[in-house]
Each structure stands twice: as C-alpha cells, then as structure tokens.
Amino acid sequence: MKAQDVMTEGPASVRSTVPLREAIAVLQSLNVHHLPVIDQHGELVGLLSDGDLRKYSFSDAGPEPAVDPLARRLELPVSYVMSRAIFAVRPETELQEIANLMIDQRIGAVPVINSEGTLVGIVSCVDLPHELVPYPASA
C-alpha cells in the first residue's frame, strides 16, 4: 500500500503568517494533532503540532503592565513555533517506508506533497496501524 491509499486528502492547513491563536482553534475544532503550514503559493513550509505548542512555553512570561503576555504570544505568527524540518513524502511512497520514517524521526505525521511541492494529503500515526498490522479474526 502507498501513502495515497491511506492519506487524508486535502488536509486543513494554515499559512505561516496566521496568528497562533487561529491555528490552535483549527487544531481544536478538527480534533487533530498536526497542521501543515503553507506559504502564499500553497507550498509546504512547515508543520505545527500539539508537541510544538507544548514546547512553546507560556510560563516564562514575566509581569508586563497593560499587556497580557499570553495574549501577545498568541498573536505571533505560526512560523515562530512550527517545525521547519519537514519530512514529506510523495503519494506513491510505500507505507512501510513512511512507518520507518516516523519511527526514525520520532514524528507523528508526514505531509504528502506532489511533484510541485504542493500539499495534497497527510498520513498520521493513526492511519498506519490499520494497514500495517492485520487485526486477528474475532472468535
């Protein structure tokens, strides 16, 4: 099987200039853990994950008069927090290769791009087990 057989086609994405607050709202509303980040041409430039957001600590903000530090940080662009090291695959990439990539790189999702570098799908760790590990027949 290949990426194109299990990927979520046309996944939600955000532009790198979108404020973090908007990207977080998308992650929460779709109940997903990974959000591809694209540029103005639709090309993949990063990936925002809930792990990236956890690493981006809001706890180190000191007291600032008249400005809520959390609110100010939520207005920063996604590009400030996203992972720029992208491990993308093509639609014809074999699932075993994707699984090995995810294990080796310790990542939970892999964007799928076409030959022009445009985002066409995403394969997450949730998509793989059903295809790679057959369920035993129930008795």
N, C-alpha and C. Protein backbone atom coordinates (compact mmCIF):
# COMPACT_ATOMS: atom_id res chain seq x y z
N MET A 1 0.84 -1.18 0.00
CA MET A 1 0.00 0.00 0.00
C MET A 1 0.88 1.24 0.00
N LYS A 2 0.28 2.30 -0.46
CA LYS A 2 1.01 3.56 -0.62
C LYS A 2 0.33 4.68 0.17
N ALA A 3 1.03 5.79 0.29
CA ALA A 3 0.51 6.95 1.01
C ALA A 3 -0.85 7.36 0.47
N GLN A 4 -0.99 7.37 -0.83
CA GLN A 4 -2.25 7.80 -1.45
C GLN A 4 -3.44 6.92 -1.06
N ASP A 5 -3.16 5.70 -0.59
CA ASP A 5 -4.23 4.79 -0.21
C ASP A 5 -4.79 5.07 1.18
N VAL A 6 -4.01 5.73 2.04
CA VAL A 6 -4.46 5.94 3.42
C VAL A 6 -4.46 7.41 3.85
N MET A 7 -3.87 8.28 3.06
CA MET A 7 -3.73 9.68 3.48
C MET A 7 -5.08 10.38 3.56
N THR A 8 -5.12 11.38 4.39
CA THR A 8 -6.26 12.29 4.43
C THR A 8 -6.00 13.29 3.31
N GLU A 9 -6.86 13.28 2.31
CA GLU A 9 -6.67 14.17 1.17
C GLU A 9 -7.11 15.58 1.52
N GLY A 10 -6.40 16.56 0.95
CA GLY A 10 -6.75 17.96 1.15
C GLY A 10 -6.88 18.33 2.61
N PRO A 11 -5.86 18.03 3.42
CA PRO A 11 -5.98 18.30 4.86
C PRO A 11 -6.07 19.80 5.14
N ALA A 12 -6.63 20.13 6.27
CA ALA A 12 -6.65 21.52 6.71
C ALA A 12 -5.21 21.98 6.84
N SER A 13 -4.98 23.22 6.54
CA SER A 13 -3.65 23.80 6.68
C SER A 13 -3.81 25.27 7.02
N VAL A 14 -2.72 25.88 7.42
CA VAL A 14 -2.71 27.31 7.69
C VAL A 14 -1.50 27.93 7.04
N ARG A 15 -1.58 29.21 6.80
CA ARG A 15 -0.42 29.93 6.28
C ARG A 15 0.53 30.25 7.42
N SER A 16 1.78 30.40 7.08
CA SER A 16 2.81 30.66 8.09
C SER A 16 2.61 31.99 8.81
N THR A 17 1.83 32.89 8.22
CA THR A 17 1.62 34.22 8.80
C THR A 17 0.41 34.28 9.73
N VAL A 18 -0.36 33.21 9.81
CA VAL A 18 -1.56 33.18 10.65
C VAL A 18 -1.15 33.25 12.12
N PRO A 19 -1.88 33.99 12.94
CA PRO A 19 -1.56 34.02 14.38
C PRO A 19 -1.77 32.65 15.02
N LEU A 20 -0.94 32.36 16.01
CA LEU A 20 -1.04 31.09 16.72
C LEU A 20 -2.45 30.81 17.22
N ARG A 21 -3.14 31.83 17.69
CA ARG A 21 -4.48 31.64 18.23
C ARG A 21 -5.40 31.03 17.19
N GLU A 22 -5.27 31.43 15.94
CA GLU A 22 -6.12 30.88 14.87
C GLU A 22 -5.74 29.43 14.56
N ALA A 23 -4.45 29.14 14.54
CA ALA A 23 -4.00 27.78 14.26
C ALA A 23 -4.44 26.83 15.38
N ILE A 24 -4.36 27.29 16.62
CA ILE A 24 -4.80 26.47 17.75
C ILE A 24 -6.30 26.19 17.63
N ALA A 25 -7.06 27.18 17.21
CA ALA A 25 -8.50 26.99 17.04
C ALA A 25 -8.79 25.93 15.98
N VAL A 26 -8.01 25.91 14.91
CA VAL A 26 -8.19 24.90 13.86
C VAL A 26 -7.85 23.52 14.40
N LEU A 27 -6.73 23.38 15.09
CA LEU A 27 -6.36 22.10 15.69
C LEU A 27 -7.47 21.58 16.60
N GLN A 28 -7.99 22.46 17.45
CA GLN A 28 -9.02 22.06 18.40
C GLN A 28 -10.34 21.73 17.71
N SER A 29 -10.74 22.54 16.75
CA SER A 29 -12.04 22.31 16.10
C SER A 29 -12.05 21.02 15.28
N LEU A 30 -10.92 20.65 14.71
CA LEU A 30 -10.84 19.43 13.91
C LEU A 30 -10.40 18.22 14.73
N ASN A 31 -10.01 18.47 15.97
CA ASN A 31 -9.52 17.41 16.86
C ASN A 31 -8.37 16.64 16.21
N VAL A 32 -7.39 17.40 15.71
CA VAL A 32 -6.19 16.81 15.10
C VAL A 32 -4.97 17.29 15.87
N HIS A 33 -3.84 16.61 15.64
CA HIS A 33 -2.61 16.92 16.36
C HIS A 33 -1.54 17.55 15.48
N HIS A 34 -1.78 17.57 14.17
CA HIS A 34 -0.78 18.09 13.23
C HIS A 34 -1.48 18.97 12.19
N LEU A 35 -0.85 20.09 11.91
CA LEU A 35 -1.42 21.03 10.95
C LEU A 35 -0.32 21.49 10.00
N PRO A 36 -0.43 21.10 8.72
CA PRO A 36 0.56 21.56 7.75
C PRO A 36 0.51 23.08 7.62
N VAL A 37 1.68 23.66 7.39
CA VAL A 37 1.80 25.11 7.23
C VAL A 37 2.29 25.36 5.81
N ILE A 38 1.57 26.23 5.11
CA ILE A 38 1.89 26.52 3.71
C ILE A 38 2.22 27.99 3.52
N ASP A 39 2.85 28.29 2.40
CA ASP A 39 3.11 29.68 2.06
C ASP A 39 2.00 30.20 1.16
N GLN A 40 2.16 31.41 0.66
CA GLN A 40 1.11 32.02 -0.16
C GLN A 40 0.89 31.32 -1.50
N HIS A 41 1.82 30.43 -1.89
CA HIS A 41 1.69 29.67 -3.13
C HIS A 41 1.15 28.27 -2.91
N GLY A 42 0.85 27.93 -1.66
CA GLY A 42 0.35 26.60 -1.34
C GLY A 42 1.43 25.57 -1.14
N GLU A 43 2.69 26.00 -1.10
CA GLU A 43 3.79 25.06 -0.90
C GLU A 43 4.03 24.86 0.59
N LEU A 44 4.34 23.63 0.93
CA LEU A 44 4.57 23.25 2.31
C LEU A 44 5.85 23.90 2.84
N VAL A 45 5.74 24.60 3.99
CA VAL A 45 6.92 25.25 4.59
C VAL A 45 7.16 24.80 6.03
N GLY A 46 6.21 24.05 6.60
CA GLY A 46 6.38 23.62 7.97
C GLY A 46 5.23 22.75 8.43
N LEU A 47 5.29 22.37 9.68
CA LEU A 47 4.25 21.56 10.29
C LEU A 47 4.11 22.03 11.73
N LEU A 48 2.89 22.31 12.14
CA LEU A 48 2.61 22.71 13.51
C LEU A 48 1.94 21.53 14.21
N SER A 49 2.50 21.13 15.33
CA SER A 49 1.91 20.01 16.07
C SER A 49 1.59 20.45 17.49
N ASP A 50 0.77 19.65 18.15
CA ASP A 50 0.49 19.95 19.55
C ASP A 50 1.77 19.86 20.37
N GLY A 51 2.70 19.03 19.93
CA GLY A 51 4.01 18.94 20.60
C GLY A 51 4.79 20.23 20.48
N ASP A 52 4.74 20.87 19.31
CA ASP A 52 5.39 22.17 19.13
C ASP A 52 4.81 23.19 20.09
N LEU A 53 3.51 23.15 20.24
CA LEU A 53 2.84 24.10 21.13
C LEU A 53 3.20 23.84 22.59
N ARG A 54 3.35 22.57 22.97
CA ARG A 54 3.76 22.25 24.34
C ARG A 54 5.17 22.74 24.62
N LYS A 55 6.05 22.63 23.62
CA LYS A 55 7.43 23.11 23.79
C LYS A 55 7.48 24.63 23.93
N TYR A 56 6.54 25.28 23.30
CA TYR A 56 6.49 26.74 23.33
C TYR A 56 5.82 27.15 24.63
N SER A 57 6.62 27.33 25.63
CA SER A 57 6.12 27.57 26.98
C SER A 57 5.58 28.99 27.14
N PHE A 58 4.43 29.06 27.75
CA PHE A 58 3.85 30.36 28.08
C PHE A 58 4.19 30.74 29.52
N SER A 59 4.83 29.84 30.25
CA SER A 59 5.04 30.04 31.67
C SER A 59 6.19 30.98 31.99
N ASP A 60 7.07 31.27 31.02
CA ASP A 60 8.22 32.10 31.34
C ASP A 60 7.96 33.59 31.17
N ALA A 61 6.74 33.94 30.88
CA ALA A 61 6.42 35.35 30.69
C ALA A 61 6.38 36.06 32.03
N GLY A 62 7.09 37.15 32.11
CA GLY A 62 7.10 37.94 33.34
C GLY A 62 5.94 38.92 33.35
N PRO A 63 5.71 39.59 34.47
CA PRO A 63 4.62 40.55 34.53
C PRO A 63 4.92 41.76 33.64
N GLU A 64 3.95 42.12 32.86
CA GLU A 64 4.08 43.27 31.98
C GLU A 64 2.86 44.15 32.15
N PRO A 65 3.05 45.38 32.48
CA PRO A 65 1.90 46.25 32.69
C PRO A 65 1.12 46.50 31.41
N ALA A 66 -0.17 46.49 31.53
CA ALA A 66 -1.11 46.84 30.46
C ALA A 66 -1.12 45.89 29.27
N VAL A 67 -0.28 44.85 29.28
CA VAL A 67 -0.28 43.91 28.16
C VAL A 67 -0.29 42.49 28.73
N ASP A 68 -1.25 41.70 28.31
CA ASP A 68 -1.32 40.31 28.74
C ASP A 68 -0.30 39.53 27.91
N PRO A 69 0.76 38.96 28.55
CA PRO A 69 1.81 38.29 27.78
C PRO A 69 1.30 37.09 27.00
N LEU A 70 0.34 36.34 27.55
CA LEU A 70 -0.20 35.19 26.83
C LEU A 70 -0.93 35.65 25.58
N ALA A 71 -1.75 36.67 25.72
CA ALA A 71 -2.49 37.19 24.55
C ALA A 71 -1.52 37.70 23.49
N ARG A 72 -0.44 38.33 23.92
CA ARG A 72 0.54 38.85 22.95
C ARG A 72 1.22 37.69 22.22
N ARG A 73 1.56 36.63 22.95
CA ARG A 73 2.21 35.49 22.31
C ARG A 73 1.28 34.77 21.35
N LEU A 74 0.01 34.72 21.65
CA LEU A 74 -0.95 34.06 20.76
C LEU A 74 -1.13 34.81 19.45
N GLU A 75 -0.68 36.04 19.39
CA GLU A 75 -0.75 36.82 18.15
C GLU A 75 0.49 36.64 17.28
N LEU A 76 1.51 35.96 17.79
CA LEU A 76 2.70 35.68 16.98
C LEU A 76 2.33 34.77 15.82
N PRO A 77 3.03 34.89 14.70
CA PRO A 77 2.73 34.02 13.55
C PRO A 77 3.11 32.57 13.82
N VAL A 78 2.41 31.66 13.17
CA VAL A 78 2.68 30.23 13.27
C VAL A 78 4.15 29.94 12.97
N SER A 79 4.75 30.68 12.06
CA SER A 79 6.14 30.44 11.68
C SER A 79 7.09 30.53 12.87
N TYR A 80 6.69 31.19 13.93
CA TYR A 80 7.52 31.34 15.12
C TYR A 80 7.65 30.03 15.89
N VAL A 81 6.65 29.16 15.79
CA VAL A 81 6.60 27.94 16.59
C VAL A 81 6.71 26.66 15.75
N MET A 82 6.30 26.69 14.50
CA MET A 82 6.22 25.48 13.68
C MET A 82 7.57 24.80 13.51
N SER A 83 7.52 23.52 13.21
CA SER A 83 8.72 22.77 12.85
C SER A 83 9.02 23.04 11.39
N ARG A 84 10.24 23.41 11.13
CA ARG A 84 10.65 23.70 9.74
C ARG A 84 11.29 22.48 9.09
N ALA A 85 11.75 21.54 9.89
CA ALA A 85 12.31 20.31 9.36
C ALA A 85 11.15 19.43 8.92
N ILE A 86 10.92 19.40 7.64
CA ILE A 86 9.76 18.70 7.10
C ILE A 86 10.20 17.37 6.48
N PHE A 87 9.56 16.32 6.91
CA PHE A 87 9.79 15.00 6.34
C PHE A 87 8.55 14.65 5.53
N ALA A 88 8.48 15.16 4.32
CA ALA A 88 7.32 14.94 3.46
C ALA A 88 7.58 13.76 2.54
N VAL A 89 6.49 13.17 2.07
CA VAL A 89 6.57 12.04 1.15
C VAL A 89 5.69 12.33 -0.07
N ARG A 90 5.83 11.50 -1.06
CA ARG A 90 5.02 11.59 -2.27
C ARG A 90 3.84 10.61 -2.15
N PRO A 91 2.80 10.80 -2.93
CA PRO A 91 1.64 9.89 -2.86
C PRO A 91 1.99 8.43 -3.12
N GLU A 92 3.02 8.17 -3.91
CA GLU A 92 3.38 6.79 -4.25
C GLU A 92 4.36 6.15 -3.26
N THR A 93 4.69 6.83 -2.18
CA THR A 93 5.59 6.27 -1.16
C THR A 93 4.92 5.11 -0.44
N GLU A 94 5.65 4.01 -0.29
CA GLU A 94 5.13 2.81 0.37
C GLU A 94 4.92 3.08 1.86
N LEU A 95 3.88 2.47 2.43
CA LEU A 95 3.55 2.67 3.84
C LEU A 95 4.68 2.21 4.77
N GLN A 96 5.35 1.14 4.43
CA GLN A 96 6.45 0.67 5.28
C GLN A 96 7.54 1.73 5.37
N GLU A 97 7.82 2.40 4.26
CA GLU A 97 8.82 3.47 4.26
C GLU A 97 8.36 4.64 5.14
N ILE A 98 7.07 4.95 5.08
CA ILE A 98 6.52 6.02 5.91
C ILE A 98 6.61 5.65 7.39
N ALA A 99 6.26 4.42 7.71
CA ALA A 99 6.32 3.96 9.10
C ALA A 99 7.76 4.03 9.61
N ASN A 100 8.71 3.60 8.81
CA ASN A 100 10.12 3.67 9.21
C ASN A 100 10.57 5.11 9.42
N LEU A 101 10.15 6.00 8.54
CA LEU A 101 10.48 7.41 8.67
C LEU A 101 9.93 7.99 9.97
N MET A 102 8.68 7.67 10.28
CA MET A 102 8.06 8.17 11.51
C MET A 102 8.78 7.64 12.75
N ILE A 103 9.16 6.39 12.71
CA ILE A 103 9.88 5.80 13.85
C ILE A 103 11.27 6.42 13.98
N ASP A 104 12.00 6.48 12.87
CA ASP A 104 13.37 7.01 12.90
C ASP A 104 13.42 8.48 13.32
N GLN A 105 12.47 9.27 12.84
CA GLN A 105 12.48 10.71 13.12
C GLN A 105 11.64 11.09 14.33
N ARG A 106 10.93 10.10 14.89
CA ARG A 106 10.07 10.32 16.06
C ARG A 106 9.04 11.41 15.79
N ILE A 107 8.32 11.22 14.68
CA ILE A 107 7.28 12.16 14.29
C ILE A 107 5.95 11.43 14.18
N GLY A 108 4.87 12.16 14.35
CA GLY A 108 3.55 11.56 14.37
C GLY A 108 2.77 11.71 13.09
N ALA A 109 3.29 12.49 12.15
CA ALA A 109 2.58 12.69 10.88
C ALA A 109 3.56 13.10 9.80
N VAL A 110 3.19 12.77 8.58
CA VAL A 110 4.02 13.10 7.43
C VAL A 110 3.14 13.73 6.36
N PRO A 111 3.42 14.97 5.98
CA PRO A 111 2.67 15.58 4.88
C PRO A 111 2.98 14.85 3.57
N VAL A 112 2.01 14.85 2.69
CA VAL A 112 2.17 14.25 1.37
C VAL A 112 2.10 15.39 0.36
N ILE A 113 3.15 15.49 -0.46
CA ILE A 113 3.22 16.56 -1.45
C ILE A 113 3.35 15.98 -2.85
N ASN A 114 2.90 16.75 -3.84
CA ASN A 114 3.04 16.32 -5.23
C ASN A 114 4.40 16.77 -5.76
N SER A 115 4.66 16.52 -7.01
CA SER A 115 5.97 16.84 -7.59
C SER A 115 6.27 18.33 -7.62
N GLU A 116 5.25 19.17 -7.49
CA GLU A 116 5.45 20.63 -7.46
C GLU A 116 5.67 21.14 -6.04
N GLY A 117 5.58 20.24 -5.05
CA GLY A 117 5.76 20.64 -3.65
C GLY A 117 4.49 21.13 -2.99
N THR A 118 3.35 20.92 -3.66
CA THR A 118 2.07 21.35 -3.13
C THR A 118 1.49 20.26 -2.23
N LEU A 119 0.97 20.67 -1.09
CA LEU A 119 0.37 19.75 -0.14
C LEU A 119 -0.87 19.09 -0.74
N VAL A 120 -0.91 17.76 -0.73
CA VAL A 120 -2.07 17.03 -1.24
C VAL A 120 -2.70 16.11 -0.21
N GLY A 121 -1.97 15.86 0.90
CA GLY A 121 -2.50 14.98 1.93
C GLY A 121 -1.61 14.93 3.14
N ILE A 122 -2.03 14.11 4.10
CA ILE A 122 -1.22 13.88 5.29
C ILE A 122 -1.48 12.46 5.77
N VAL A 123 -0.42 11.80 6.23
CA VAL A 123 -0.53 10.48 6.83
C VAL A 123 -0.08 10.62 8.27
N SER A 124 -0.96 10.23 9.19
CA SER A 124 -0.60 10.31 10.60
C SER A 124 -0.38 8.92 11.16
N CYS A 125 0.17 8.88 12.36
CA CYS A 125 0.43 7.58 13.00
C CYS A 125 -0.88 6.82 13.24
N VAL A 126 -1.99 7.50 13.24
CA VAL A 126 -3.29 6.85 13.41
C VAL A 126 -3.69 6.09 12.14
N ASP A 127 -3.22 6.55 10.99
CA ASP A 127 -3.58 5.94 9.71
C ASP A 127 -2.85 4.61 9.45
N LEU A 128 -1.69 4.45 10.03
CA LEU A 128 -0.84 3.30 9.69
C LEU A 128 -1.19 1.97 10.32
N PRO A 129 -1.49 1.89 11.60
CA PRO A 129 -1.68 0.55 12.21
C PRO A 129 -2.72 -0.31 11.52
N HIS A 130 -3.79 0.29 11.08
CA HIS A 130 -4.86 -0.49 10.45
C HIS A 130 -4.40 -1.15 9.16
N GLU A 131 -3.45 -0.54 8.49
CA GLU A 131 -2.99 -1.08 7.22
C GLU A 131 -1.78 -2.00 7.37
N LEU A 132 -0.95 -1.71 8.37
CA LEU A 132 0.28 -2.48 8.51
C LEU A 132 0.16 -3.69 9.42
N VAL A 133 -0.79 -3.64 10.35
CA VAL A 133 -0.96 -4.74 11.30
C VAL A 133 -2.37 -5.28 11.16
N PRO A 134 -2.52 -6.47 10.60
CA PRO A 134 -3.85 -7.02 10.42
C PRO A 134 -4.47 -7.39 11.79
N TYR A 135 -5.76 -7.10 11.91
CA TYR A 135 -6.48 -7.46 13.12
C TYR A 135 -6.77 -8.95 13.10
N PRO A 136 -6.61 -9.61 14.26
CA PRO A 136 -6.95 -11.04 14.30
C PRO A 136 -8.46 -11.20 14.17
N ALA A 137 -8.85 -12.28 13.56
CA ALA A 137 -10.29 -12.57 13.41
C ALA A 137 -10.87 -12.83 14.79
N SER A 138 -12.03 -12.23 15.04
CA SER A 138 -12.66 -12.45 16.35
C SER A 138 -13.35 -13.81 16.36
N ALA A 139 -13.35 -14.42 17.52
CA ALA A 139 -13.92 -15.76 17.66
C ALA A 139 -15.40 -15.73 17.89
